[in-house]
N, C-alpha and C. Protein backbone atom coordinates (compact mmCIF):
# COMPACT_ATOMS: atom_id res chain seq x y z
N ILE A 1 109.34 162.42 50.61
CA ILE A 1 109.92 161.92 51.84
C ILE A 1 111.44 161.95 51.67
N PRO A 2 112.12 162.71 52.49
CA PRO A 2 113.58 162.75 52.37
C PRO A 2 114.20 161.43 52.84
N ILE A 3 115.11 160.92 52.06
CA ILE A 3 115.74 159.64 52.42
C ILE A 3 117.25 159.82 52.56
N GLU A 4 117.85 158.89 53.25
CA GLU A 4 119.28 158.93 53.51
C GLU A 4 120.11 158.71 52.26
N PRO A 5 121.26 159.38 52.16
CA PRO A 5 122.19 159.06 51.08
C PRO A 5 122.56 157.57 51.14
N PHE A 6 122.79 156.99 50.01
CA PHE A 6 123.18 155.58 49.84
C PHE A 6 122.06 154.60 50.15
N THR A 7 120.82 155.07 50.17
CA THR A 7 119.67 154.17 50.33
C THR A 7 119.67 153.17 49.19
N GLU A 8 119.44 151.91 49.54
CA GLU A 8 119.42 150.83 48.55
C GLU A 8 117.98 150.41 48.26
N ASP A 9 117.83 149.47 47.32
CA ASP A 9 116.53 149.04 46.82
C ASP A 9 115.54 148.67 47.92
N GLU A 10 115.95 147.80 48.81
CA GLU A 10 115.02 147.27 49.81
C GLU A 10 114.39 148.38 50.65
N SER A 11 115.21 149.29 51.15
CA SER A 11 114.70 150.38 51.97
C SER A 11 113.84 151.34 51.14
N PHE A 12 114.30 151.69 49.95
CA PHE A 12 113.55 152.61 49.09
C PHE A 12 112.17 152.04 48.76
N LEU A 13 112.12 150.78 48.38
CA LEU A 13 110.84 150.19 47.98
C LEU A 13 109.89 150.04 49.17
N PHE A 14 110.43 149.76 50.35
CA PHE A 14 109.60 149.71 51.55
C PHE A 14 108.95 151.08 51.78
N LEU A 15 109.76 152.12 51.70
CA LEU A 15 109.23 153.48 51.90
C LEU A 15 108.19 153.83 50.85
N LEU A 16 108.53 153.60 49.60
CA LEU A 16 107.64 153.99 48.50
C LEU A 16 106.31 153.25 48.57
N GLU A 17 106.37 151.95 48.72
CA GLU A 17 105.14 151.17 48.72
C GLU A 17 104.23 151.57 49.88
N ASN A 18 104.79 151.67 51.06
CA ASN A 18 103.97 152.02 52.21
C ASN A 18 103.45 153.45 52.12
N ALA A 19 104.27 154.38 51.68
CA ALA A 19 103.82 155.76 51.55
C ALA A 19 102.71 155.88 50.51
N LEU A 20 102.89 155.25 49.36
CA LEU A 20 101.88 155.37 48.30
C LEU A 20 100.54 154.78 48.73
N TYR A 21 100.56 153.65 49.40
CA TYR A 21 99.29 153.06 49.84
C TYR A 21 98.61 153.91 50.91
N VAL A 22 99.37 154.42 51.85
CA VAL A 22 98.77 155.27 52.89
C VAL A 22 98.19 156.54 52.27
N VAL A 23 98.94 157.17 51.38
CA VAL A 23 98.48 158.40 50.74
C VAL A 23 97.26 158.14 49.85
N ALA A 24 97.30 157.05 49.09
CA ALA A 24 96.16 156.73 48.21
C ALA A 24 94.90 156.44 49.03
N GLU A 25 95.04 155.73 50.11
CA GLU A 25 93.88 155.43 50.94
C GLU A 25 93.33 156.71 51.58
N TYR A 26 94.20 157.58 51.99
CA TYR A 26 93.76 158.82 52.65
C TYR A 26 93.09 159.77 51.67
N PHE A 27 93.71 159.98 50.51
CA PHE A 27 93.20 160.99 49.56
C PHE A 27 92.21 160.44 48.54
N LYS A 28 92.19 159.14 48.33
CA LYS A 28 91.28 158.51 47.36
C LYS A 28 91.30 159.29 46.04
N PRO A 29 92.42 159.28 45.33
CA PRO A 29 92.58 160.13 44.14
C PRO A 29 91.71 159.71 42.97
N ASP A 30 91.36 160.69 42.14
CA ASP A 30 90.65 160.43 40.89
C ASP A 30 91.62 159.98 39.81
N ILE A 31 92.87 160.40 39.92
CA ILE A 31 93.92 160.05 38.97
C ILE A 31 95.24 160.04 39.72
N ILE A 32 96.14 159.19 39.29
CA ILE A 32 97.50 159.17 39.84
C ILE A 32 98.40 159.88 38.82
N VAL A 33 99.17 160.84 39.28
CA VAL A 33 100.17 161.51 38.45
C VAL A 33 101.52 161.20 39.08
N SER A 34 102.40 160.59 38.31
CA SER A 34 103.71 160.21 38.85
C SER A 34 104.83 160.81 38.01
N GLN A 35 105.90 161.17 38.68
CA GLN A 35 107.08 161.72 38.03
C GLN A 35 108.20 160.71 38.20
N HIS A 36 108.83 160.31 37.10
CA HIS A 36 109.79 159.20 37.11
C HIS A 36 111.21 159.67 36.85
N GLY A 37 111.83 160.15 37.90
CA GLY A 37 113.24 160.49 37.81
C GLY A 37 114.07 159.22 37.86
N ALA A 38 115.20 159.26 37.21
CA ALA A 38 116.10 158.10 37.19
C ALA A 38 117.42 158.41 37.88
N ASP A 39 117.47 159.50 38.61
CA ASP A 39 118.74 159.92 39.20
C ASP A 39 119.08 159.22 40.51
N GLY A 40 118.25 158.33 40.99
CA GLY A 40 118.57 157.57 42.19
C GLY A 40 119.40 156.33 41.91
N HIS A 41 119.63 156.04 40.65
CA HIS A 41 120.39 154.84 40.26
C HIS A 41 121.86 155.00 40.65
N PHE A 42 122.48 153.90 41.02
CA PHE A 42 123.87 153.97 41.48
C PHE A 42 124.84 154.45 40.40
N LEU A 43 124.47 154.35 39.13
CA LEU A 43 125.33 154.85 38.05
C LEU A 43 125.17 156.35 37.82
N ASP A 44 124.22 156.97 38.50
CA ASP A 44 124.00 158.41 38.38
C ASP A 44 124.71 159.08 39.55
N GLU A 45 125.76 159.77 39.26
CA GLU A 45 126.61 160.32 40.32
C GLU A 45 126.05 161.56 41.01
N MET A 46 124.94 162.08 40.55
CA MET A 46 124.41 163.31 41.12
C MET A 46 123.63 163.11 42.43
N SER A 47 123.05 161.94 42.66
CA SER A 47 122.11 161.82 43.78
C SER A 47 122.66 161.14 45.02
N HIS A 48 123.68 160.37 44.93
CA HIS A 48 124.24 159.64 46.07
C HIS A 48 123.27 158.60 46.63
N LEU A 49 122.43 158.04 45.77
CA LEU A 49 121.60 156.91 46.17
C LEU A 49 122.19 155.65 45.53
N SER A 50 121.72 154.50 45.96
CA SER A 50 122.29 153.23 45.50
C SER A 50 121.20 152.31 44.98
N LEU A 51 120.32 152.84 44.15
CA LEU A 51 119.23 152.03 43.59
C LEU A 51 119.71 151.31 42.34
N THR A 52 119.05 150.20 42.03
CA THR A 52 119.37 149.43 40.83
C THR A 52 118.16 149.41 39.91
N MET A 53 118.33 148.80 38.76
CA MET A 53 117.21 148.69 37.82
C MET A 53 116.06 147.87 38.40
N GLU A 54 116.32 147.06 39.42
CA GLU A 54 115.22 146.32 40.06
C GLU A 54 114.20 147.29 40.64
N THR A 55 114.67 148.38 41.23
CA THR A 55 113.75 149.40 41.74
C THR A 55 112.98 150.03 40.59
N TYR A 56 113.68 150.33 39.52
CA TYR A 56 113.02 150.99 38.38
C TYR A 56 112.11 150.05 37.61
N ARG A 57 112.27 148.76 37.78
CA ARG A 57 111.32 147.78 37.23
C ARG A 57 110.05 147.75 38.09
N TYR A 58 110.24 147.88 39.41
CA TYR A 58 109.14 147.72 40.35
C TYR A 58 108.25 148.96 40.44
N ILE A 59 108.84 150.14 40.38
CA ILE A 59 108.08 151.38 40.59
C ILE A 59 106.86 151.48 39.67
N PRO A 60 107.01 151.35 38.35
CA PRO A 60 105.81 151.49 37.51
C PRO A 60 104.77 150.40 37.76
N LYS A 61 105.23 149.19 38.10
CA LYS A 61 104.26 148.12 38.40
C LYS A 61 103.46 148.47 39.65
N LEU A 62 104.13 149.02 40.66
CA LEU A 62 103.45 149.41 41.89
C LEU A 62 102.44 150.53 41.62
N ILE A 63 102.85 151.55 40.89
CA ILE A 63 101.95 152.67 40.62
C ILE A 63 100.78 152.22 39.75
N HIS A 64 101.04 151.37 38.79
CA HIS A 64 99.98 150.82 37.94
C HIS A 64 98.93 150.11 38.80
N LYS A 65 99.41 149.30 39.74
CA LYS A 65 98.52 148.55 40.63
C LYS A 65 97.69 149.51 41.50
N ILE A 66 98.34 150.50 42.08
CA ILE A 66 97.63 151.46 42.93
C ILE A 66 96.63 152.28 42.11
N ALA A 67 97.01 152.66 40.90
CA ALA A 67 96.08 153.41 40.03
C ALA A 67 94.83 152.60 39.76
N HIS A 68 94.97 151.30 39.57
CA HIS A 68 93.79 150.46 39.32
C HIS A 68 92.98 150.23 40.59
N GLU A 69 93.64 150.18 41.73
CA GLU A 69 92.92 149.96 42.99
C GLU A 69 92.21 151.22 43.49
N TYR A 70 92.78 152.39 43.22
CA TYR A 70 92.26 153.61 43.83
C TYR A 70 91.73 154.65 42.84
N ALA A 71 92.15 154.59 41.57
CA ALA A 71 91.80 155.67 40.64
C ALA A 71 91.20 155.14 39.34
N GLY A 72 90.60 153.97 39.40
CA GLY A 72 89.97 153.42 38.20
C GLY A 72 90.93 153.23 37.04
N GLY A 73 92.21 153.03 37.35
CA GLY A 73 93.21 152.81 36.31
C GLY A 73 93.75 154.09 35.68
N LYS A 74 93.27 155.24 36.13
CA LYS A 74 93.72 156.51 35.54
C LYS A 74 95.09 156.88 36.12
N TRP A 75 96.07 156.98 35.21
CA TRP A 75 97.44 157.22 35.62
C TRP A 75 98.16 158.01 34.53
N MET A 76 98.76 159.12 34.91
CA MET A 76 99.58 159.90 33.99
C MET A 76 101.01 159.92 34.54
N ALA A 77 101.96 159.51 33.71
CA ALA A 77 103.36 159.48 34.12
C ALA A 77 104.16 160.47 33.28
N VAL A 78 105.09 161.14 33.94
CA VAL A 78 105.99 162.04 33.23
C VAL A 78 107.43 161.66 33.58
N GLY A 79 108.34 162.00 32.69
CA GLY A 79 109.75 161.76 32.95
C GLY A 79 110.26 162.74 34.00
N GLY A 80 111.47 162.53 34.42
CA GLY A 80 112.04 163.40 35.44
C GLY A 80 113.55 163.42 35.32
N GLY A 81 114.20 163.69 36.43
CA GLY A 81 115.65 163.79 36.46
C GLY A 81 116.34 162.50 36.08
N GLY A 82 117.59 162.65 35.82
CA GLY A 82 118.45 161.54 35.46
C GLY A 82 119.59 162.07 34.63
N TYR A 83 120.79 161.89 35.13
CA TYR A 83 121.95 162.48 34.47
C TYR A 83 122.79 161.45 33.74
N ASN A 84 122.47 160.18 33.89
CA ASN A 84 123.15 159.15 33.11
C ASN A 84 122.21 158.83 31.94
N VAL A 85 122.27 159.68 30.93
CA VAL A 85 121.28 159.65 29.86
C VAL A 85 121.48 158.53 28.85
N PHE A 86 122.56 157.78 28.96
CA PHE A 86 122.79 156.68 28.03
C PHE A 86 122.54 155.32 28.66
N ASP A 87 122.84 155.17 29.95
CA ASP A 87 122.78 153.85 30.59
C ASP A 87 121.58 153.65 31.51
N VAL A 88 121.03 154.71 32.06
CA VAL A 88 119.96 154.56 33.05
C VAL A 88 118.62 155.09 32.55
N VAL A 89 118.59 156.34 32.14
CA VAL A 89 117.32 156.98 31.77
C VAL A 89 116.55 156.19 30.71
N PRO A 90 117.17 155.77 29.61
CA PRO A 90 116.38 155.05 28.59
C PRO A 90 115.76 153.76 29.11
N ARG A 91 116.51 153.01 29.90
CA ARG A 91 115.96 151.76 30.44
C ARG A 91 114.83 152.04 31.41
N SER A 92 115.03 153.01 32.29
CA SER A 92 114.01 153.33 33.29
C SER A 92 112.72 153.83 32.65
N TRP A 93 112.82 154.81 31.77
CA TRP A 93 111.61 155.38 31.17
C TRP A 93 110.93 154.39 30.24
N ALA A 94 111.70 153.55 29.57
CA ALA A 94 111.08 152.53 28.71
C ALA A 94 110.22 151.58 29.54
N MET A 95 110.68 151.25 30.74
CA MET A 95 109.91 150.35 31.60
C MET A 95 108.59 150.98 32.02
N VAL A 96 108.60 152.28 32.29
CA VAL A 96 107.34 152.96 32.64
C VAL A 96 106.37 152.84 31.48
N TRP A 97 106.82 153.14 30.29
CA TRP A 97 105.97 153.09 29.10
C TRP A 97 105.43 151.67 28.88
N MET A 98 106.29 150.68 29.06
CA MET A 98 105.86 149.29 28.84
C MET A 98 104.78 148.89 29.84
N VAL A 99 104.97 149.23 31.11
CA VAL A 99 103.97 148.89 32.13
C VAL A 99 102.65 149.61 31.82
N MET A 100 102.72 150.87 31.44
CA MET A 100 101.49 151.62 31.14
C MET A 100 100.73 151.02 29.97
N ASN A 101 101.43 150.35 29.09
CA ASN A 101 100.81 149.73 27.92
C ASN A 101 100.59 148.23 28.09
N ASP A 102 100.74 147.76 29.32
CA ASP A 102 100.55 146.34 29.66
C ASP A 102 101.45 145.42 28.84
N TRP A 103 102.66 145.87 28.57
CA TRP A 103 103.65 145.02 27.92
C TRP A 103 104.49 144.36 29.00
N PRO A 104 104.93 143.14 28.77
CA PRO A 104 105.83 142.51 29.74
C PRO A 104 107.18 143.24 29.76
N LEU A 105 107.76 143.32 30.94
CA LEU A 105 109.07 143.96 31.04
C LEU A 105 110.14 143.02 30.51
N PRO A 106 110.99 143.53 29.64
CA PRO A 106 111.99 142.67 29.02
C PRO A 106 113.15 142.35 29.95
N GLN A 107 113.86 141.32 29.61
CA GLN A 107 115.11 140.96 30.28
C GLN A 107 116.13 140.66 29.20
N GLY A 108 117.39 140.64 29.58
CA GLY A 108 118.43 140.32 28.62
C GLY A 108 118.92 141.54 27.87
N PRO A 109 119.44 141.32 26.67
CA PRO A 109 120.09 142.42 25.94
C PRO A 109 119.11 143.47 25.44
N LEU A 110 119.59 144.70 25.40
CA LEU A 110 118.85 145.80 24.78
C LEU A 110 118.88 145.61 23.27
N PRO A 111 117.97 146.25 22.54
CA PRO A 111 117.96 146.11 21.08
C PRO A 111 119.31 146.54 20.47
N PRO A 112 119.94 145.67 19.70
CA PRO A 112 121.26 145.99 19.11
C PRO A 112 121.25 147.25 18.26
N LYS A 113 120.15 147.49 17.54
CA LYS A 113 120.07 148.68 16.69
C LYS A 113 120.16 149.95 17.54
N TRP A 114 119.46 149.96 18.66
CA TRP A 114 119.49 151.12 19.55
C TRP A 114 120.90 151.33 20.10
N ILE A 115 121.53 150.25 20.56
CA ILE A 115 122.89 150.34 21.09
C ILE A 115 123.83 150.92 20.04
N ARG A 116 123.76 150.39 18.84
CA ARG A 116 124.63 150.82 17.75
C ARG A 116 124.43 152.32 17.46
N GLU A 117 123.18 152.74 17.35
CA GLU A 117 122.89 154.14 17.03
C GLU A 117 123.40 155.08 18.12
N VAL A 118 123.17 154.73 19.37
CA VAL A 118 123.62 155.59 20.46
C VAL A 118 125.15 155.65 20.49
N GLU A 119 125.79 154.50 20.37
CA GLU A 119 127.25 154.48 20.42
C GLU A 119 127.87 155.25 19.26
N GLU A 120 127.27 155.15 18.08
CA GLU A 120 127.80 155.88 16.92
C GLU A 120 127.65 157.38 17.09
N LYS A 121 126.53 157.81 17.65
CA LYS A 121 126.25 159.25 17.77
C LYS A 121 126.93 159.90 18.97
N THR A 122 127.28 159.10 19.98
CA THR A 122 127.78 159.68 21.22
C THR A 122 129.20 159.31 21.59
N ASN A 123 129.74 158.29 20.96
CA ASN A 123 131.06 157.77 21.35
C ASN A 123 131.06 157.24 22.78
N HIS A 124 129.92 156.82 23.26
CA HIS A 124 129.77 156.28 24.62
C HIS A 124 129.40 154.81 24.52
N LYS A 125 130.15 153.94 25.22
CA LYS A 125 129.81 152.52 25.24
C LYS A 125 128.61 152.34 26.14
N VAL A 126 127.51 151.89 25.55
CA VAL A 126 126.23 151.79 26.25
C VAL A 126 126.13 150.47 27.01
N HIS A 127 125.54 150.54 28.21
CA HIS A 127 125.21 149.32 28.95
C HIS A 127 124.26 148.51 28.08
N ALA A 128 124.57 147.26 27.82
CA ALA A 128 123.88 146.51 26.77
C ALA A 128 122.71 145.64 27.24
N SER A 129 122.34 145.71 28.51
CA SER A 129 121.30 144.82 29.04
C SER A 129 120.26 145.61 29.81
N TRP A 130 119.05 145.06 29.89
CA TRP A 130 118.00 145.66 30.71
C TRP A 130 118.37 145.60 32.19
N GLU A 131 119.16 144.60 32.58
CA GLU A 131 119.57 144.44 33.97
C GLU A 131 120.91 145.13 34.19
N ASP A 132 121.22 145.43 35.44
CA ASP A 132 122.52 145.98 35.78
C ASP A 132 123.55 144.87 35.84
N ASP A 133 124.80 145.19 35.50
CA ASP A 133 125.87 144.21 35.70
C ASP A 133 126.64 144.49 36.99
N PHE A 134 126.29 145.56 37.69
CA PHE A 134 126.82 145.95 38.99
C PHE A 134 128.28 146.36 38.96
N THR A 135 128.82 146.63 37.77
CA THR A 135 130.15 147.23 37.70
C THR A 135 130.05 148.62 38.32
N GLY A 136 130.87 148.88 39.29
CA GLY A 136 130.84 150.18 39.96
C GLY A 136 129.91 150.24 41.16
N TYR A 137 129.17 149.17 41.44
CA TYR A 137 128.28 149.18 42.60
C TYR A 137 129.09 148.91 43.86
N MET A 138 128.95 149.76 44.83
CA MET A 138 129.70 149.62 46.08
C MET A 138 128.74 149.17 47.18
N PRO A 139 129.06 148.06 47.87
CA PRO A 139 128.22 147.65 49.00
C PRO A 139 128.21 148.76 50.07
N ILE A 140 127.07 148.94 50.69
CA ILE A 140 126.90 150.02 51.65
C ILE A 140 127.06 149.46 53.07
N PRO A 141 128.11 149.89 53.79
CA PRO A 141 128.34 149.32 55.13
C PRO A 141 127.29 149.74 56.16
N ARG A 142 126.62 150.87 55.99
CA ARG A 142 125.63 151.36 56.95
C ARG A 142 124.21 150.95 56.59
N LYS A 143 124.05 149.87 55.87
CA LYS A 143 122.75 149.49 55.32
C LYS A 143 121.64 149.46 56.38
N GLU A 144 121.85 148.78 57.49
CA GLU A 144 120.82 148.67 58.53
C GLU A 144 120.52 150.02 59.17
N GLU A 145 121.55 150.81 59.42
CA GLU A 145 121.36 152.14 59.99
C GLU A 145 120.53 153.01 59.05
N ILE A 146 120.84 152.96 57.76
CA ILE A 146 120.11 153.74 56.76
C ILE A 146 118.65 153.30 56.71
N LYS A 147 118.41 151.98 56.72
CA LYS A 147 117.03 151.47 56.70
C LYS A 147 116.25 151.98 57.91
N ASN A 148 116.87 151.96 59.09
CA ASN A 148 116.18 152.39 60.30
C ASN A 148 115.88 153.89 60.28
N ILE A 149 116.83 154.69 59.83
CA ILE A 149 116.60 156.14 59.72
C ILE A 149 115.48 156.41 58.73
N ASN A 150 115.52 155.73 57.58
CA ASN A 150 114.47 155.92 56.57
C ASN A 150 113.10 155.54 57.10
N LYS A 151 113.04 154.45 57.86
CA LYS A 151 111.76 154.00 58.42
C LYS A 151 111.21 155.05 59.39
N LYS A 152 112.06 155.61 60.23
CA LYS A 152 111.63 156.66 61.16
C LYS A 152 111.15 157.90 60.39
N THR A 153 111.86 158.23 59.33
CA THR A 153 111.46 159.38 58.51
C THR A 153 110.09 159.13 57.88
N LEU A 154 109.86 157.91 57.42
CA LEU A 154 108.57 157.55 56.84
C LEU A 154 107.45 157.72 57.87
N ILE A 155 107.67 157.21 59.07
CA ILE A 155 106.67 157.33 60.14
C ILE A 155 106.36 158.80 60.41
N ASN A 156 107.40 159.61 60.55
CA ASN A 156 107.19 161.03 60.83
C ASN A 156 106.51 161.74 59.67
N SER A 157 106.86 161.39 58.46
CA SER A 157 106.27 162.05 57.28
C SER A 157 104.79 161.73 57.12
N LEU A 158 104.40 160.53 57.47
CA LEU A 158 103.00 160.12 57.31
C LEU A 158 102.15 160.40 58.55
N TYR A 159 102.76 160.87 59.62
CA TYR A 159 102.04 161.08 60.87
C TYR A 159 100.78 161.94 60.71
N PRO A 160 100.82 163.02 59.95
CA PRO A 160 99.60 163.85 59.85
C PRO A 160 98.39 163.12 59.27
N ILE A 161 98.59 162.07 58.50
CA ILE A 161 97.43 161.40 57.90
C ILE A 161 97.18 160.00 58.45
N ASN A 162 98.12 159.45 59.21
CA ASN A 162 97.84 158.12 59.77
C ASN A 162 98.44 157.93 61.15
N GLU A 163 98.79 159.02 61.81
CA GLU A 163 99.39 159.00 63.14
C GLU A 163 100.72 158.27 63.16
N GLY A 164 101.30 157.99 62.00
CA GLY A 164 102.64 157.45 61.90
C GLY A 164 102.86 156.07 62.47
N GLU A 165 101.79 155.32 62.64
CA GLU A 165 101.95 154.00 63.25
C GLU A 165 102.32 152.96 62.22
N LEU A 166 103.40 152.23 62.48
CA LEU A 166 103.78 151.15 61.58
C LEU A 166 102.87 149.95 61.76
N GLY A 167 102.13 149.90 62.82
CA GLY A 167 101.26 148.76 63.05
C GLY A 167 99.92 148.84 62.35
N ASN A 168 99.69 149.88 61.56
CA ASN A 168 98.38 149.98 60.91
C ASN A 168 98.24 148.94 59.80
N ASP A 169 97.06 148.80 59.28
CA ASP A 169 96.79 147.76 58.28
C ASP A 169 97.65 147.90 57.04
N PHE A 170 97.97 149.11 56.63
CA PHE A 170 98.75 149.28 55.40
C PHE A 170 100.14 148.70 55.55
N PHE A 171 100.78 148.96 56.67
CA PHE A 171 102.14 148.48 56.83
C PHE A 171 102.18 146.97 57.01
N ARG A 172 101.15 146.40 57.59
CA ARG A 172 101.11 144.94 57.69
C ARG A 172 100.76 144.32 56.35
N LYS A 173 99.80 144.90 55.66
CA LYS A 173 99.31 144.33 54.41
C LYS A 173 100.29 144.51 53.26
N TYR A 174 100.94 145.66 53.21
CA TYR A 174 101.76 145.99 52.04
C TYR A 174 103.25 146.04 52.35
N ARG A 175 103.66 145.37 53.37
CA ARG A 175 105.07 145.38 53.75
C ARG A 175 105.93 144.78 52.64
N TYR A 176 107.01 145.44 52.35
CA TYR A 176 107.91 144.97 51.28
C TYR A 176 108.73 143.79 51.76
């Protein structure tokens, strides 16, 4: 589903959750295969999206839940894009692995040994926490406009399998 530049967490998660439930209900998959790009994060300058680690914490939990509801728990995840390979990709992909292994998602500082090793090998000061500190995050002035455009895009994208109605049971039941 194509989304607007500068889409933030709330709009992205609304789209993702509703799309995944509608698609899972329609196709009734035997297995869920997901690709976990990290390039939508606001620290990744390639995508022009404004997602935070809160989105990357939620995505694997959502897919895990849907895999258990629709595919008997069968779920295969693969890594994907992400150009901030020191600050975003490791945190994002680690969370996918932890959810798949039923580990609780951590909060607070990253392992000091990992930080030290990366900084020594790369000369890059690594973000030291599982959470974002929002340095460099710019508030998006068109937030409501972007949410509305994304919602219309979602309706149009799902129209072939659910007539694009926001009033269906999925959108009421699984609204973000």
